[in-house]
Amino acid sequence: MVKLLHYWFRRETVIRALKMAAIVGPILTVINQGDVLLSGQYTPPVFLKIILTFLVPYSVSSVSSALTYMEQEQQEKR
């Protein structure tokens, strides 16, 4: 678990995940909250949902990268 967190917060992992969230986050936001945004009904729950929508691709990308780093490390030890 400590190794996973180490790789999760690695600079390269964070940058990659931020890029992915910047691409996928707006797409998911439009799909999931587009009608609300177009109607102008900006409420705190809507903003929370948008933040969570960006956190999903960030989390998936960062965990995937961290696991890949761990697998590479295991292969190098062989």
PDB file of N, CA and C in Angstrom:
ATOM      1  N   MET A   1       0.821  -1.198   0.000  1.00  0.00           N
ATOM      2  CA  MET A   1       0.000   0.000   0.000  1.00  0.00           C
ATOM      3  C   MET A   1       0.866   1.264   0.000  1.00  0.00           C
ATOM      4  N   VAL A   2       1.971   1.214   0.749  1.00  0.00           N
ATOM      5  CA  VAL A   2       2.870   2.364   0.799  1.00  0.00           C
ATOM      6  C   VAL A   2       3.480   2.616  -0.576  1.00  0.00           C
ATOM      7  N   LYS A   3       3.849   1.528  -1.266  1.00  0.00           N
ATOM      8  CA  LYS A   3       4.415   1.657  -2.617  1.00  0.00           C
ATOM      9  C   LYS A   3       3.402   2.297  -3.561  1.00  0.00           C
ATOM     10  N   LEU A   4       2.152   1.858  -3.457  1.00  0.00           N
ATOM     11  CA  LEU A   4       1.101   2.415  -4.314  1.00  0.00           C
ATOM     12  C   LEU A   4       0.987   3.917  -4.095  1.00  0.00           C
ATOM     13  N   LEU A   5       0.959   4.350  -2.854  1.00  0.00           N
ATOM     14  CA  LEU A   5       0.865   5.784  -2.556  1.00  0.00           C
ATOM     15  C   LEU A   5       2.097   6.540  -3.035  1.00  0.00           C
ATOM     16  N   HIS A   6       3.260   5.917  -2.903  1.00  0.00           N
ATOM     17  CA  HIS A   6       4.496   6.544  -3.389  1.00  0.00           C
ATOM     18  C   HIS A   6       4.400   6.831  -4.885  1.00  0.00           C
ATOM     19  N   TYR A   7       3.989   5.834  -5.649  1.00  0.00           N
ATOM     20  CA  TYR A   7       3.881   6.022  -7.095  1.00  0.00           C
ATOM     21  C   TYR A   7       2.679   6.883  -7.479  1.00  0.00           C
ATOM     22  N   TRP A   8       1.627   6.832  -6.672  1.00  0.00           N
ATOM     23  CA  TRP A   8       0.423   7.616  -6.955  1.00  0.00           C
ATOM     24  C   TRP A   8       0.731   9.117  -6.921  1.00  0.00           C
ATOM     25  N   PHE A   9       1.576   9.537  -5.996  1.00  0.00           N
ATOM     26  CA  PHE A   9       1.879  10.953  -5.845  1.00  0.00           C
ATOM     27  C   PHE A   9       3.193  11.349  -6.504  1.00  0.00           C
ATOM     28  N   ARG A  10       3.736  10.450  -7.295  1.00  0.00           N
ATOM     29  CA  ARG A  10       4.937  10.752  -8.073  1.00  0.00           C
ATOM     30  C   ARG A  10       4.607  11.875  -9.064  1.00  0.00           C
ATOM     31  N   ARG A  11       5.547  12.760  -9.309  1.00  0.00           N
ATOM     32  CA  ARG A  11       5.316  13.928 -10.159  1.00  0.00           C
ATOM     33  C   ARG A  11       4.768  13.538 -11.544  1.00  0.00           C
ATOM     34  N   GLU A  12       5.382  12.548 -12.158  1.00  0.00           N
ATOM     35  CA  GLU A  12       4.955  12.119 -13.491  1.00  0.00           C
ATOM     36  C   GLU A  12       3.521  11.592 -13.467  1.00  0.00           C
ATOM     37  N   THR A  13       3.177  10.884 -12.419  1.00  0.00           N
ATOM     38  CA  THR A  13       1.837  10.332 -12.292  1.00  0.00           C
ATOM     39  C   THR A  13       0.814  11.450 -12.154  1.00  0.00           C
ATOM     40  N   VAL A  14       1.113  12.429 -11.320  1.00  0.00           N
ATOM     41  CA  VAL A  14       0.190  13.542 -11.099  1.00  0.00           C
ATOM     42  C   VAL A  14      -0.002  14.348 -12.379  1.00  0.00           C
ATOM     43  N   ILE A  15       1.076  14.622 -13.082  1.00  0.00           N
ATOM     44  CA  ILE A  15       0.975  15.396 -14.328  1.00  0.00           C
ATOM     45  C   ILE A  15       0.138  14.645 -15.362  1.00  0.00           C
ATOM     46  N   ARG A  16       0.405  13.355 -15.514  1.00  0.00           N
ATOM     47  CA  ARG A  16      -0.354  12.546 -16.465  1.00  0.00           C
ATOM     48  C   ARG A  16      -1.839  12.530 -16.093  1.00  0.00           C
ATOM     49  N   ALA A  17      -2.132  12.355 -14.816  1.00  0.00           N
ATOM     50  CA  ALA A  17      -3.521  12.301 -14.362  1.00  0.00           C
ATOM     51  C   ALA A  17      -4.227  13.644 -14.542  1.00  0.00           C
ATOM     52  N   LEU A  18      -3.515  14.732 -14.297  1.00  0.00           N
ATOM     53  CA  LEU A  18      -4.119  16.062 -14.505  1.00  0.00           C
ATOM     54  C   LEU A  18      -4.455  16.294 -15.979  1.00  0.00           C
ATOM     55  N   LYS A  19      -3.562  15.853 -16.853  1.00  0.00           N
ATOM     56  CA  LYS A  19      -3.833  15.984 -18.288  1.00  0.00           C
ATOM     57  C   LYS A  19      -5.074  15.178 -18.675  1.00  0.00           C
ATOM     58  N   MET A  20      -5.164  13.962 -18.164  1.00  0.00           N
ATOM     59  CA  MET A  20      -6.301  13.109 -18.475  1.00  0.00           C
ATOM     60  C   MET A  20      -7.599  13.724 -17.941  1.00  0.00           C
ATOM     61  N   ALA A  21      -7.551  14.240 -16.726  1.00  0.00           N
ATOM     62  CA  ALA A  21      -8.739  14.866 -16.141  1.00  0.00           C
ATOM     63  C   ALA A  21      -9.140  16.113 -16.923  1.00  0.00           C
ATOM     64  N   ALA A  22      -8.147  16.839 -17.454  1.00  0.00           N
ATOM     65  CA  ALA A  22      -8.442  18.044 -18.237  1.00  0.00           C
ATOM     66  C   ALA A  22      -9.096  17.707 -19.571  1.00  0.00           C
ATOM     67  N   ILE A  23      -8.853  16.524 -20.083  1.00  0.00           N
ATOM     68  CA  ILE A  23      -9.464  16.105 -21.342  1.00  0.00           C
ATOM     69  C   ILE A  23     -10.812  15.430 -21.103  1.00  0.00           C
ATOM     70  N   VAL A  24     -10.834  14.465 -20.205  1.00  0.00           N
ATOM     71  CA  VAL A  24     -12.036  13.654 -19.994  1.00  0.00           C
ATOM     72  C   VAL A  24     -13.063  14.365 -19.108  1.00  0.00           C
ATOM     73  N   GLY A  25     -12.594  15.146 -18.135  1.00  0.00           N
ATOM     74  CA  GLY A  25     -13.498  15.826 -17.203  1.00  0.00           C
ATOM     75  C   GLY A  25     -14.549  16.694 -17.874  1.00  0.00           C
ATOM     76  N   PRO A  26     -14.158  17.594 -18.786  1.00  0.00           N
ATOM     77  CA  PRO A  26     -15.174  18.419 -19.456  1.00  0.00           C
ATOM     78  C   PRO A  26     -16.160  17.595 -20.289  1.00  0.00           C
ATOM     79  N   ILE A  27     -15.675  16.535 -20.902  1.00  0.00           N
ATOM     80  CA  ILE A  27     -16.562  15.694 -21.697  1.00  0.00           C
ATOM     81  C   ILE A  27     -17.615  15.049 -20.800  1.00  0.00           C
ATOM     82  N   LEU A  28     -17.170  14.474 -19.698  1.00  0.00           N
ATOM     83  CA  LEU A  28     -18.113  13.859 -18.767  1.00  0.00           C
ATOM     84  C   LEU A  28     -19.050  14.897 -18.141  1.00  0.00           C
ATOM     85  N   THR A  29     -18.535  16.092 -17.888  1.00  0.00           N
ATOM     86  CA  THR A  29     -19.370  17.146 -17.315  1.00  0.00           C
ATOM     87  C   THR A  29     -20.491  17.524 -18.274  1.00  0.00           C
ATOM     88  N   VAL A  30     -20.170  17.670 -19.532  1.00  0.00           N
ATOM     89  CA  VAL A  30     -21.202  18.006 -20.523  1.00  0.00           C
ATOM     90  C   VAL A  30     -22.227  16.878 -20.627  1.00  0.00           C
ATOM     91  N   ILE A  31     -21.751  15.645 -20.636  1.00  0.00           N
ATOM     92  CA  ILE A  31     -22.670  14.510 -20.718  1.00  0.00           C
ATOM     93  C   ILE A  31     -23.573  14.448 -19.498  1.00  0.00           C
ATOM     94  N   ASN A  32     -22.996  14.603 -18.308  1.00  0.00           N
ATOM     95  CA  ASN A  32     -23.758  14.409 -17.075  1.00  0.00           C
ATOM     96  C   ASN A  32     -24.478  15.647 -16.567  1.00  0.00           C
ATOM     97  N   GLN A  33     -23.923  16.829 -16.796  1.00  0.00           N
ATOM     98  CA  GLN A  33     -24.502  18.054 -16.225  1.00  0.00           C
ATOM     99  C   GLN A  33     -24.821  19.109 -17.270  1.00  0.00           C
ATOM    100  N   GLY A  34     -24.714  18.767 -18.541  1.00  0.00           N
ATOM    101  CA  GLY A  34     -24.927  19.747 -19.605  1.00  0.00           C
ATOM    102  C   GLY A  34     -26.268  20.435 -19.540  1.00  0.00           C
ATOM    103  N   ASP A  35     -27.338  19.685 -19.327  1.00  0.00           N
ATOM    104  CA  ASP A  35     -28.670  20.295 -19.274  1.00  0.00           C
ATOM    105  C   ASP A  35     -28.797  21.266 -18.108  1.00  0.00           C
ATOM    106  N   VAL A  36     -28.212  20.918 -16.982  1.00  0.00           N
ATOM    107  CA  VAL A  36     -28.266  21.802 -15.807  1.00  0.00           C
ATOM    108  C   VAL A  36     -27.458  23.066 -16.069  1.00  0.00           C
ATOM    109  N   LEU A  37     -26.290  22.913 -16.671  1.00  0.00           N
ATOM    110  CA  LEU A  37     -25.448  24.074 -16.952  1.00  0.00           C
ATOM    111  C   LEU A  37     -26.096  25.000 -17.975  1.00  0.00           C
ATOM    112  N   LEU A  38     -26.724  24.433 -18.981  1.00  0.00           N
ATOM    113  CA  LEU A  38     -27.400  25.256 -19.988  1.00  0.00           C
ATOM    114  C   LEU A  38     -28.613  25.984 -19.427  1.00  0.00           C
ATOM    115  N   SER A  39     -29.246  25.416 -18.419  1.00  0.00           N
ATOM    116  CA  SER A  39     -30.415  26.064 -17.815  1.00  0.00           C
ATOM    117  C   SER A  39     -30.006  27.153 -16.829  1.00  0.00           C
ATOM    118  N   GLY A  40     -28.726  27.197 -16.470  1.00  0.00           N
ATOM    119  CA  GLY A  40     -28.236  28.228 -15.562  1.00  0.00           C
ATOM    120  C   GLY A  40     -28.515  27.952 -14.100  1.00  0.00           C
ATOM    121  N   GLN A  41     -28.839  26.717 -13.766  1.00  0.00           N
ATOM    122  CA  GLN A  41     -29.160  26.366 -12.379  1.00  0.00           C
ATOM    123  C   GLN A  41     -27.896  25.931 -11.643  1.00  0.00           C
ATOM    124  N   TYR A  42     -27.051  26.908 -11.346  1.00  0.00           N
ATOM    125  CA  TYR A  42     -25.793  26.629 -10.670  1.00  0.00           C
ATOM    126  C   TYR A  42     -26.030  26.577  -9.166  1.00  0.00           C
ATOM    127  N   THR A  43     -25.924  25.405  -8.601  1.00  0.00           N
ATOM    128  CA  THR A  43     -26.114  25.225  -7.166  1.00  0.00           C
ATOM    129  C   THR A  43     -24.885  24.537  -6.601  1.00  0.00           C
ATOM    130  N   PRO A  44     -24.669  24.625  -5.298  1.00  0.00           N
ATOM    131  CA  PRO A  44     -23.517  23.934  -4.702  1.00  0.00           C
ATOM    132  C   PRO A  44     -23.475  22.434  -5.023  1.00  0.00           C
ATOM    133  N   PRO A  45     -24.605  21.718  -4.999  1.00  0.00           N
ATOM    134  CA  PRO A  45     -24.530  20.296  -5.371  1.00  0.00           C
ATOM    135  C   PRO A  45     -24.052  20.075  -6.816  1.00  0.00           C
ATOM    136  N   VAL A  46     -24.415  20.979  -7.719  1.00  0.00           N
ATOM    137  CA  VAL A  46     -23.962  20.855  -9.109  1.00  0.00           C
ATOM    138  C   VAL A  46     -22.447  21.032  -9.174  1.00  0.00           C
ATOM    139  N   PHE A  47     -21.924  22.030  -8.471  1.00  0.00           N
ATOM    140  CA  PHE A  47     -20.474  22.233  -8.463  1.00  0.00           C
ATOM    141  C   PHE A  47     -19.758  21.040  -7.838  1.00  0.00           C
ATOM    142  N   LEU A  48     -20.323  20.459  -6.793  1.00  0.00           N
ATOM    143  CA  LEU A  48     -19.735  19.269  -6.184  1.00  0.00           C
ATOM    144  C   LEU A  48     -19.713  18.110  -7.179  1.00  0.00           C
ATOM    145  N   LYS A  49     -20.800  17.935  -7.920  1.00  0.00           N
ATOM    146  CA  LYS A  49     -20.848  16.868  -8.930  1.00  0.00           C
ATOM    147  C   LYS A  49     -19.806  17.101 -10.019  1.00  0.00           C
ATOM    148  N   ILE A  50     -19.600  18.351 -10.405  1.00  0.00           N
ATOM    149  CA  ILE A  50     -18.607  18.659 -11.433  1.00  0.00           C
ATOM    150  C   ILE A  50     -17.206  18.337 -10.920  1.00  0.00           C
ATOM    151  N   ILE A  51     -16.918  18.711  -9.687  1.00  0.00           N
ATOM    152  CA  ILE A  51     -15.611  18.402  -9.106  1.00  0.00           C
ATOM    153  C   ILE A  51     -15.402  16.890  -9.061  1.00  0.00           C
ATOM    154  N   LEU A  52     -16.412  16.162  -8.631  1.00  0.00           N
ATOM    155  CA  LEU A  52     -16.312  14.700  -8.586  1.00  0.00           C
ATOM    156  C   LEU A  52     -16.143  14.117  -9.985  1.00  0.00           C
ATOM    157  N   THR A  53     -16.775  14.743 -10.974  1.00  0.00           N
ATOM    158  CA  THR A  53     -16.657  14.289 -12.357  1.00  0.00           C
ATOM    159  C   THR A  53     -15.214  14.406 -12.841  1.00  0.00           C
ATOM    160  N   PHE A  54     -14.493  15.429 -12.417  1.00  0.00           N
ATOM    161  CA  PHE A  54     -13.086  15.571 -12.775  1.00  0.00           C
ATOM    162  C   PHE A  54     -12.201  14.624 -11.968  1.00  0.00           C
ATOM    163  N   LEU A  55     -12.617  14.303 -10.753  1.00  0.00           N
ATOM    164  CA  LEU A  55     -11.819  13.407  -9.916  1.00  0.00           C
ATOM    165  C   LEU A  55     -11.827  11.963 -10.418  1.00  0.00           C
ATOM    166  N   VAL A  56     -12.877  11.579 -11.113  1.00  0.00           N
ATOM    167  CA  VAL A  56     -12.960  10.198 -11.607  1.00  0.00           C
ATOM    168  C   VAL A  56     -11.837   9.897 -12.597  1.00  0.00           C
ATOM    169  N   PRO A  57     -11.696  10.650 -13.702  1.00  0.00           N
ATOM    170  CA  PRO A  57     -10.587  10.322 -14.619  1.00  0.00           C
ATOM    171  C   PRO A  57      -9.217  10.552 -13.982  1.00  0.00           C
ATOM    172  N   TYR A  58      -9.126  11.532 -13.078  1.00  0.00           N
ATOM    173  CA  TYR A  58      -7.854  11.740 -12.376  1.00  0.00           C
ATOM    174  C   TYR A  58      -7.486  10.494 -11.572  1.00  0.00           C
ATOM    175  N   SER A  59      -8.444   9.986 -10.824  1.00  0.00           N
ATOM    176  CA  SER A  59      -8.188   8.817  -9.976  1.00  0.00           C
ATOM    177  C   SER A  59      -7.869   7.579 -10.798  1.00  0.00           C
ATOM    178  N   VAL A  60      -8.633   7.346 -11.842  1.00  0.00           N
ATOM    179  CA  VAL A  60      -8.407   6.169 -12.678  1.00  0.00           C
ATOM    180  C   VAL A  60      -7.018   6.236 -13.314  1.00  0.00           C
ATOM    181  N   SER A  61      -6.669   7.394 -13.839  1.00  0.00           N
ATOM    182  CA  SER A  61      -5.368   7.534 -14.480  1.00  0.00           C
ATOM    183  C   SER A  61      -4.226   7.391 -13.481  1.00  0.00           C
ATOM    184  N   SER A  62      -4.355   8.010 -12.323  1.00  0.00           N
ATOM    185  CA  SER A  62      -3.250   7.957 -11.364  1.00  0.00           C
ATOM    186  C   SER A  62      -3.077   6.562 -10.766  1.00  0.00           C
ATOM    187  N   VAL A  63      -4.166   5.881 -10.476  1.00  0.00           N
ATOM    188  CA  VAL A  63      -4.052   4.512  -9.950  1.00  0.00           C
ATOM    189  C   VAL A  63      -3.466   3.594 -11.010  1.00  0.00           C
ATOM    190  N   SER A  64      -3.926   3.746 -12.239  1.00  0.00           N
ATOM    191  CA  SER A  64      -3.408   2.928 -13.330  1.00  0.00           C
ATOM    192  C   SER A  64      -1.906   3.152 -13.518  1.00  0.00           C
ATOM    193  N   SER A  65      -1.487   4.399 -13.491  1.00  0.00           N
ATOM    194  CA  SER A  65      -0.056   4.698 -13.626  1.00  0.00           C
ATOM    195  C   SER A  65       0.746   4.127 -12.466  1.00  0.00           C
ATOM    196  N   ALA A  66       0.235   4.287 -11.257  1.00  0.00           N
ATOM    197  CA  ALA A  66       0.940   3.773 -10.081  1.00  0.00           C
ATOM    198  C   ALA A  66       1.081   2.261 -10.158  1.00  0.00           C
ATOM    199  N   LEU A  67       0.031   1.573 -10.551  1.00  0.00           N
ATOM    200  CA  LEU A  67       0.104   0.116 -10.680  1.00  0.00           C
ATOM    201  C   LEU A  67       1.081  -0.299 -11.766  1.00  0.00           C
ATOM    202  N   THR A  68       1.127   0.458 -12.842  1.00  0.00           N
ATOM    203  CA  THR A  68       2.080   0.164 -13.918  1.00  0.00           C
ATOM    204  C   THR A  68       3.512   0.331 -13.430  1.00  0.00           C
ATOM    205  N   TYR A  69       3.789   1.396 -12.679  1.00  0.00           N
ATOM    206  CA  TYR A  69       5.121   1.582 -12.110  1.00  0.00           C
ATOM    207  C   TYR A  69       5.488   0.411 -11.201  1.00  0.00           C
ATOM    208  N   MET A  70       4.537  -0.047 -10.409  1.00  0.00           N
ATOM    209  CA  MET A  70       4.795  -1.169  -9.502  1.00  0.00           C
ATOM    210  C   MET A  70       5.082  -2.446 -10.285  1.00  0.00           C
ATOM    211  N   GLU A  71       4.337  -2.684 -11.359  1.00  0.00           N
ATOM    212  CA  GLU A  71       4.573  -3.868 -12.193  1.00  0.00           C
ATOM    213  C   GLU A  71       5.951  -3.801 -12.846  1.00  0.00           C
ATOM    214  N   GLN A  72       6.318  -2.623 -13.341  1.00  0.00           N
ATOM    215  CA  GLN A  72       7.634  -2.459 -13.951  1.00  0.00           C
ATOM    216  C   GLN A  72       8.745  -2.726 -12.945  1.00  0.00           C
ATOM    217  N   GLU A  73       8.549  -2.245 -11.735  1.00  0.00           N
ATOM    218  CA  GLU A  73       9.539  -2.469 -10.691  1.00  0.00           C
ATOM    219  C   GLU A  73       9.688  -3.967 -10.402  1.00  0.00           C
ATOM    220  N   GLN A  74       8.576  -4.695 -10.366  1.00  0.00           N
ATOM    221  CA  GLN A  74       8.620  -6.135 -10.133  1.00  0.00           C
ATOM    222  C   GLN A  74       9.341  -6.852 -11.265  1.00  0.00           C
ATOM    223  N   GLN A  75       9.097  -6.426 -12.501  1.00  0.00           N
ATOM    224  CA  GLN A  75       9.741  -7.061 -13.660  1.00  0.00           C
ATOM    225  C   GLN A  75      11.242  -6.800 -13.669  1.00  0.00           C
ATOM    226  N   GLU A  76      11.649  -5.621 -13.227  1.00  0.00           N
ATOM    227  CA  GLU A  76      13.068  -5.288 -13.190  1.00  0.00           C
ATOM    228  C   GLU A  76      13.813  -6.102 -12.150  1.00  0.00           C
ATOM    229  N   LYS A  77      13.113  -6.532 -11.102  1.00  0.00           N
ATOM    230  CA  LYS A  77      13.738  -7.325 -10.044  1.00  0.00           C
ATOM    231  C   LYS A  77      13.969  -8.764 -10.494  1.00  0.00           C
ATOM    232  N   ARG A  78      13.275  -9.191 -11.533  1.00  0.00           N
ATOM    233  CA  ARG A  78      13.403 -10.579 -12.000  1.00  0.00           C
ATOM    234  C   ARG A  78      14.660 -10.798 -12.778  1.00  0.00           C
TER     235      ARG A  78
END
